[in-house]
N, C-alpha and C. Protein backbone atom coordinates (compact mmCIF):
# COMPACT_ATOMS: atom_id res chain seq x y z
N MET A 1 7.65 -9.85 -25.32
CA MET A 1 6.22 -9.62 -25.07
C MET A 1 5.85 -11.76 -24.88
N PHE A 2 4.83 -11.72 -24.40
CA PHE A 2 4.09 -12.93 -23.87
C PHE A 2 3.02 -12.81 -23.79
N ASP A 3 2.14 -14.26 -24.27
CA ASP A 3 0.41 -13.94 -23.96
C ASP A 3 -0.07 -14.69 -23.27
N ARG A 4 -1.24 -14.66 -22.35
CA ARG A 4 -1.54 -15.09 -21.09
C ARG A 4 -1.17 -16.62 -20.71
N LYS A 5 -0.71 -17.36 -21.93
CA LYS A 5 0.00 -18.79 -21.36
C LYS A 5 0.96 -18.62 -21.22
N LEU A 6 1.68 -17.13 -21.33
CA LEU A 6 3.08 -17.22 -20.80
C LEU A 6 3.95 -17.65 -22.71
N LYS A 7 3.25 -17.93 -23.26
CA LYS A 7 3.84 -18.01 -24.37
C LYS A 7 4.76 -16.64 -25.78
N ILE A 8 5.85 -16.98 -25.59
CA ILE A 8 6.38 -15.50 -25.93
C ILE A 8 6.24 -15.20 -27.64
N VAL A 9 5.34 -14.13 -28.11
CA VAL A 9 5.29 -13.91 -28.93
C VAL A 9 6.29 -13.23 -29.37
N GLN A 10 6.89 -12.43 -29.37
CA GLN A 10 7.69 -11.42 -29.97
C GLN A 10 8.73 -11.04 -28.96
N THR A 11 9.91 -10.78 -29.26
CA THR A 11 11.38 -10.77 -28.93
C THR A 11 12.27 -10.00 -29.60
N GLY A 12 13.17 -9.03 -29.04
CA GLY A 12 14.12 -8.30 -29.71
C GLY A 12 15.18 -9.53 -30.64
N SER A 13 15.78 -8.61 -31.21
CA SER A 13 16.93 -9.56 -32.14
C SER A 13 18.36 -9.89 -31.40
N THR A 14 18.58 -9.18 -30.31
CA THR A 14 20.01 -9.11 -29.64
C THR A 14 19.33 -10.43 -28.55
N VAL A 15 18.18 -10.60 -27.67
CA VAL A 15 18.11 -11.31 -27.17
C VAL A 15 17.85 -12.89 -28.12
N ALA A 16 17.00 -12.78 -29.17
CA ALA A 16 16.78 -14.13 -29.97
C ALA A 16 18.48 -14.35 -30.54
N ARG A 17 19.43 -13.94 -30.52
CA ARG A 17 20.67 -14.36 -30.59
C ARG A 17 21.34 -14.80 -29.36
N VAL A 18 21.16 -14.04 -28.62
CA VAL A 18 22.01 -15.10 -27.44
C VAL A 18 21.02 -16.23 -26.65
N MET A 19 19.80 -16.13 -26.55
CA MET A 19 18.72 -16.80 -26.41
C MET A 19 17.83 -17.57 -27.07
N PRO A 20 18.45 -18.40 -28.56
CA PRO A 20 17.83 -19.21 -29.67
C PRO A 20 16.79 -19.62 -29.51
N ARG A 21 16.59 -20.16 -28.15
CA ARG A 21 15.34 -21.08 -28.13
C ARG A 21 14.20 -20.17 -27.91
N VAL A 22 13.98 -19.01 -27.52
CA VAL A 22 12.89 -18.25 -27.63
C VAL A 22 12.03 -18.14 -29.02
N THR A 23 13.26 -18.25 -29.85
CA THR A 23 12.43 -18.33 -31.31
C THR A 23 11.68 -19.50 -31.27
N ARG A 24 12.11 -20.36 -31.33
CA ARG A 24 10.64 -22.03 -31.13
C ARG A 24 9.39 -21.88 -30.85
N PRO A 25 9.04 -22.27 -31.98
CA PRO A 25 7.01 -22.23 -31.59
C PRO A 25 7.08 -22.89 -30.64
N ASN A 26 6.22 -21.97 -29.95
CA ASN A 26 5.04 -22.19 -28.28
C ASN A 26 6.40 -22.40 -27.18
N CYS A 27 7.63 -21.42 -27.62
CA CYS A 27 8.03 -21.50 -26.49
C CYS A 27 7.70 -20.54 -25.28
N LYS A 28 7.72 -21.26 -24.10
CA LYS A 28 7.41 -20.02 -23.04
C LYS A 28 8.27 -19.40 -22.37
N VAL A 29 7.86 -17.81 -21.48
CA VAL A 29 9.19 -17.47 -20.80
C VAL A 29 9.60 -18.61 -19.90
N THR A 30 8.36 -19.27 -18.99
CA THR A 30 8.79 -20.31 -18.08
C THR A 30 9.54 -21.57 -18.87
N ASP A 31 10.09 -21.43 -19.79
CA ASP A 31 10.94 -22.88 -20.78
C ASP A 31 12.09 -21.76 -20.60
N ILE A 32 12.44 -21.15 -20.29
CA ILE A 32 13.88 -19.85 -20.42
C ILE A 32 14.05 -19.32 -19.34
N LEU A 33 13.20 -18.92 -18.26
CA LEU A 33 13.93 -18.23 -17.00
C LEU A 33 13.33 -18.72 -15.72
N ASP A 34 13.46 -18.24 -15.02
CA ASP A 34 13.51 -18.68 -13.41
C ASP A 34 12.94 -17.69 -12.61
N THR A 35 12.01 -17.26 -11.76
CA THR A 35 11.74 -16.30 -11.26
C THR A 35 13.12 -16.35 -9.63
N VAL A 36 13.52 -14.86 -9.61
CA VAL A 36 14.63 -14.79 -8.06
C VAL A 36 13.81 -14.20 -7.29
N ARG A 37 13.04 -13.37 -7.45
CA ARG A 37 12.05 -12.43 -6.85
C ARG A 37 11.01 -11.72 -7.56
N PRO A 38 10.12 -11.46 -7.10
CA PRO A 38 9.29 -11.85 -6.01
C PRO A 38 9.43 -13.98 -5.13
N HIS A 39 9.59 -14.46 -4.44
CA HIS A 39 9.32 -15.65 -4.47
C HIS A 39 7.89 -16.01 -4.87
N LEU A 40 7.60 -16.04 -5.80
CA LEU A 40 6.32 -16.58 -6.44
C LEU A 40 5.83 -16.98 -7.51
N GLU A 41 5.39 -18.12 -8.29
CA GLU A 41 5.33 -18.74 -9.19
C GLU A 41 5.36 -18.11 -10.90
N LEU A 42 5.49 -17.78 -11.40
CA LEU A 42 5.57 -17.23 -12.52
C LEU A 42 4.56 -17.91 -13.58
N THR A 43 3.37 -16.64 -13.28
CA THR A 43 1.83 -17.23 -13.70
C THR A 43 1.62 -15.76 -14.00
N PHE A 44 0.61 -15.88 -15.02
CA PHE A 44 -0.17 -14.50 -15.75
C PHE A 44 -0.38 -14.41 -14.41
N GLU A 45 -1.76 -14.30 -13.85
CA GLU A 45 -2.07 -14.15 -12.67
C GLU A 45 -1.69 -13.61 -11.66
N ASN A 46 -0.56 -14.26 -11.50
CA ASN A 46 0.49 -13.88 -10.14
C ASN A 46 1.16 -12.14 -10.81
N ILE A 47 1.48 -12.23 -12.29
CA ILE A 47 1.94 -11.06 -12.60
C ILE A 47 0.85 -9.64 -12.88
N LEU A 48 -0.44 -10.04 -12.67
CA LEU A 48 -1.64 -9.34 -12.79
C LEU A 48 -1.30 -9.05 -11.46
N SER A 49 -1.44 -9.68 -10.49
CA SER A 49 -1.71 -9.67 -8.76
C SER A 49 -0.64 -8.52 -8.00
N HIS A 50 0.34 -8.65 -9.07
CA HIS A 50 1.69 -8.12 -8.42
C HIS A 50 2.26 -6.69 -9.67
N ILE A 51 1.48 -6.11 -10.21
CA ILE A 51 1.42 -5.55 -11.47
C ILE A 51 3.10 -4.80 -11.27
N ASN A 52 3.27 -3.90 -10.08
CA ASN A 52 4.14 -2.95 -9.93
C ASN A 52 5.37 -3.35 -9.14
N THR A 53 5.63 -4.67 -9.10
CA THR A 53 6.67 -5.54 -8.33
C THR A 53 7.60 -5.42 -9.07
N VAL A 54 8.80 -5.29 -9.00
CA VAL A 54 10.13 -6.03 -10.09
C VAL A 54 10.47 -6.87 -9.87
N TYR A 55 10.43 -7.53 -10.82
CA TYR A 55 10.71 -8.90 -10.82
C TYR A 55 12.12 -8.87 -11.00
N VAL A 56 12.79 -9.93 -11.12
CA VAL A 56 14.13 -10.26 -11.13
C VAL A 56 14.21 -11.86 -11.87
N LEU A 57 14.81 -12.06 -12.82
CA LEU A 57 14.64 -13.44 -13.59
C LEU A 57 15.82 -13.62 -14.00
N LYS A 58 16.24 -15.08 -13.71
CA LYS A 58 17.69 -15.69 -14.39
C LYS A 58 17.05 -16.51 -15.13
N THR A 59 18.23 -16.64 -16.25
CA THR A 59 17.80 -17.40 -17.37
C THR A 59 17.65 -18.80 -16.83
N LYS A 60 17.79 -19.93 -17.49
CA LYS A 60 17.86 -21.62 -16.99
C LYS A 60 19.28 -22.15 -17.33
N PRO A 61 19.36 -22.86 -16.57
CA PRO A 61 21.00 -23.50 -17.19
C PRO A 61 20.83 -24.06 -18.85
N GLY A 62 22.06 -23.65 -19.44
CA GLY A 62 22.08 -24.22 -20.73
C GLY A 62 21.26 -22.82 -22.51
N VAL A 63 20.65 -21.95 -21.25
CA VAL A 63 19.46 -21.32 -22.27
C VAL A 63 20.61 -20.30 -23.18
N MET A 64 21.49 -19.59 -22.29
CA MET A 64 22.20 -18.75 -23.26
C MET A 64 22.97 -19.37 -23.88
N GLU A 65 23.75 -19.09 -25.33
CA GLU A 65 24.62 -19.37 -26.23
C GLU A 65 26.21 -18.22 -26.01
N VAL A 66 26.88 -18.58 -25.40
CA VAL A 66 28.08 -17.84 -25.86
C VAL A 66 28.95 -18.27 -27.29
N GLN A 67 28.60 -17.33 -27.82
CA GLN A 67 29.73 -17.62 -28.97
C GLN A 67 30.67 -17.60 -28.54
N GLY A 68 31.88 -18.66 -29.63
CA GLY A 68 33.05 -18.39 -29.88
C GLY A 68 34.09 -18.52 -28.55
N GLN A 69 32.97 -19.00 -27.53
CA GLN A 69 34.22 -19.46 -26.29
C GLN A 69 32.79 -20.97 -25.73
N MET A 70 33.92 -21.94 -25.76
CA MET A 70 33.50 -23.36 -25.10
C MET A 70 33.64 -22.94 -23.84
N ASP A 71 34.65 -22.70 -23.05
CA ASP A 71 35.21 -22.98 -21.66
C ASP A 71 34.30 -21.04 -21.71
N ALA A 72 33.40 -21.09 -21.60
CA ALA A 72 32.93 -19.43 -20.99
C ALA A 72 33.02 -19.38 -19.65
N PRO A 73 33.04 -18.01 -18.72
CA PRO A 73 32.74 -18.40 -17.47
C PRO A 73 31.70 -18.57 -16.80
N LEU A 74 31.85 -18.57 -15.61
CA LEU A 74 30.14 -18.48 -15.45
C LEU A 74 28.73 -17.35 -15.48
N GLU A 75 29.55 -16.19 -15.17
CA GLU A 75 29.12 -15.17 -15.22
C GLU A 75 28.50 -15.06 -16.91
N PHE A 76 29.00 -15.17 -17.59
CA PHE A 76 28.61 -15.49 -18.62
C PHE A 76 27.41 -16.91 -19.54
N SER A 77 27.47 -17.02 -18.31
CA SER A 77 26.16 -18.37 -18.81
C SER A 77 25.21 -18.03 -18.23
N TYR A 78 24.56 -16.77 -17.54
CA TYR A 78 23.54 -16.89 -17.24
C TYR A 78 22.81 -15.07 -17.12
N LEU A 79 21.89 -14.83 -17.67
CA LEU A 79 21.46 -13.45 -17.73
C LEU A 79 20.33 -13.26 -17.15
N ARG A 80 20.83 -12.47 -15.77
CA ARG A 80 19.46 -11.65 -15.31
C ARG A 80 19.27 -10.77 -15.57
N LEU A 81 17.78 -10.51 -15.03
CA LEU A 81 16.75 -9.50 -15.78
C LEU A 81 15.97 -8.70 -14.58
N LYS A 82 16.01 -7.95 -14.85
CA LYS A 82 14.98 -6.68 -13.69
C LYS A 82 13.74 -6.04 -14.57
N VAL A 83 12.77 -6.44 -14.53
CA VAL A 83 11.63 -6.72 -15.46
C VAL A 83 10.35 -5.57 -14.42
N LEU A 84 10.04 -4.97 -14.51
CA LEU A 84 8.66 -3.86 -14.41
C LEU A 84 7.28 -4.06 -15.18
N TYR A 85 6.43 -4.88 -14.54
CA TYR A 85 5.07 -5.43 -15.44
C TYR A 85 4.79 -3.60 -14.92
N SER A 86 4.13 -3.04 -16.03
CA SER A 86 2.94 -1.89 -15.66
C SER A 86 2.09 -1.64 -16.42
């Protein structure tokens, strides 16, 4: 969950484990995720304007922490999320 400034205020324990950056103070959604679809800037106003749109988000490079694998395959370096804001 995030606030109007896109600051992350709550996250699940599994997300925090694979993306420890989300637990840092003042971490914003835009610090860890890029929008794949729709092709809009990720702002609170755009989310409200497109409230029933499915968003596809992808983690930015270096955000994911793959434990135990220094040379993890590329598909384990990113996480794609489909989110419906409603």
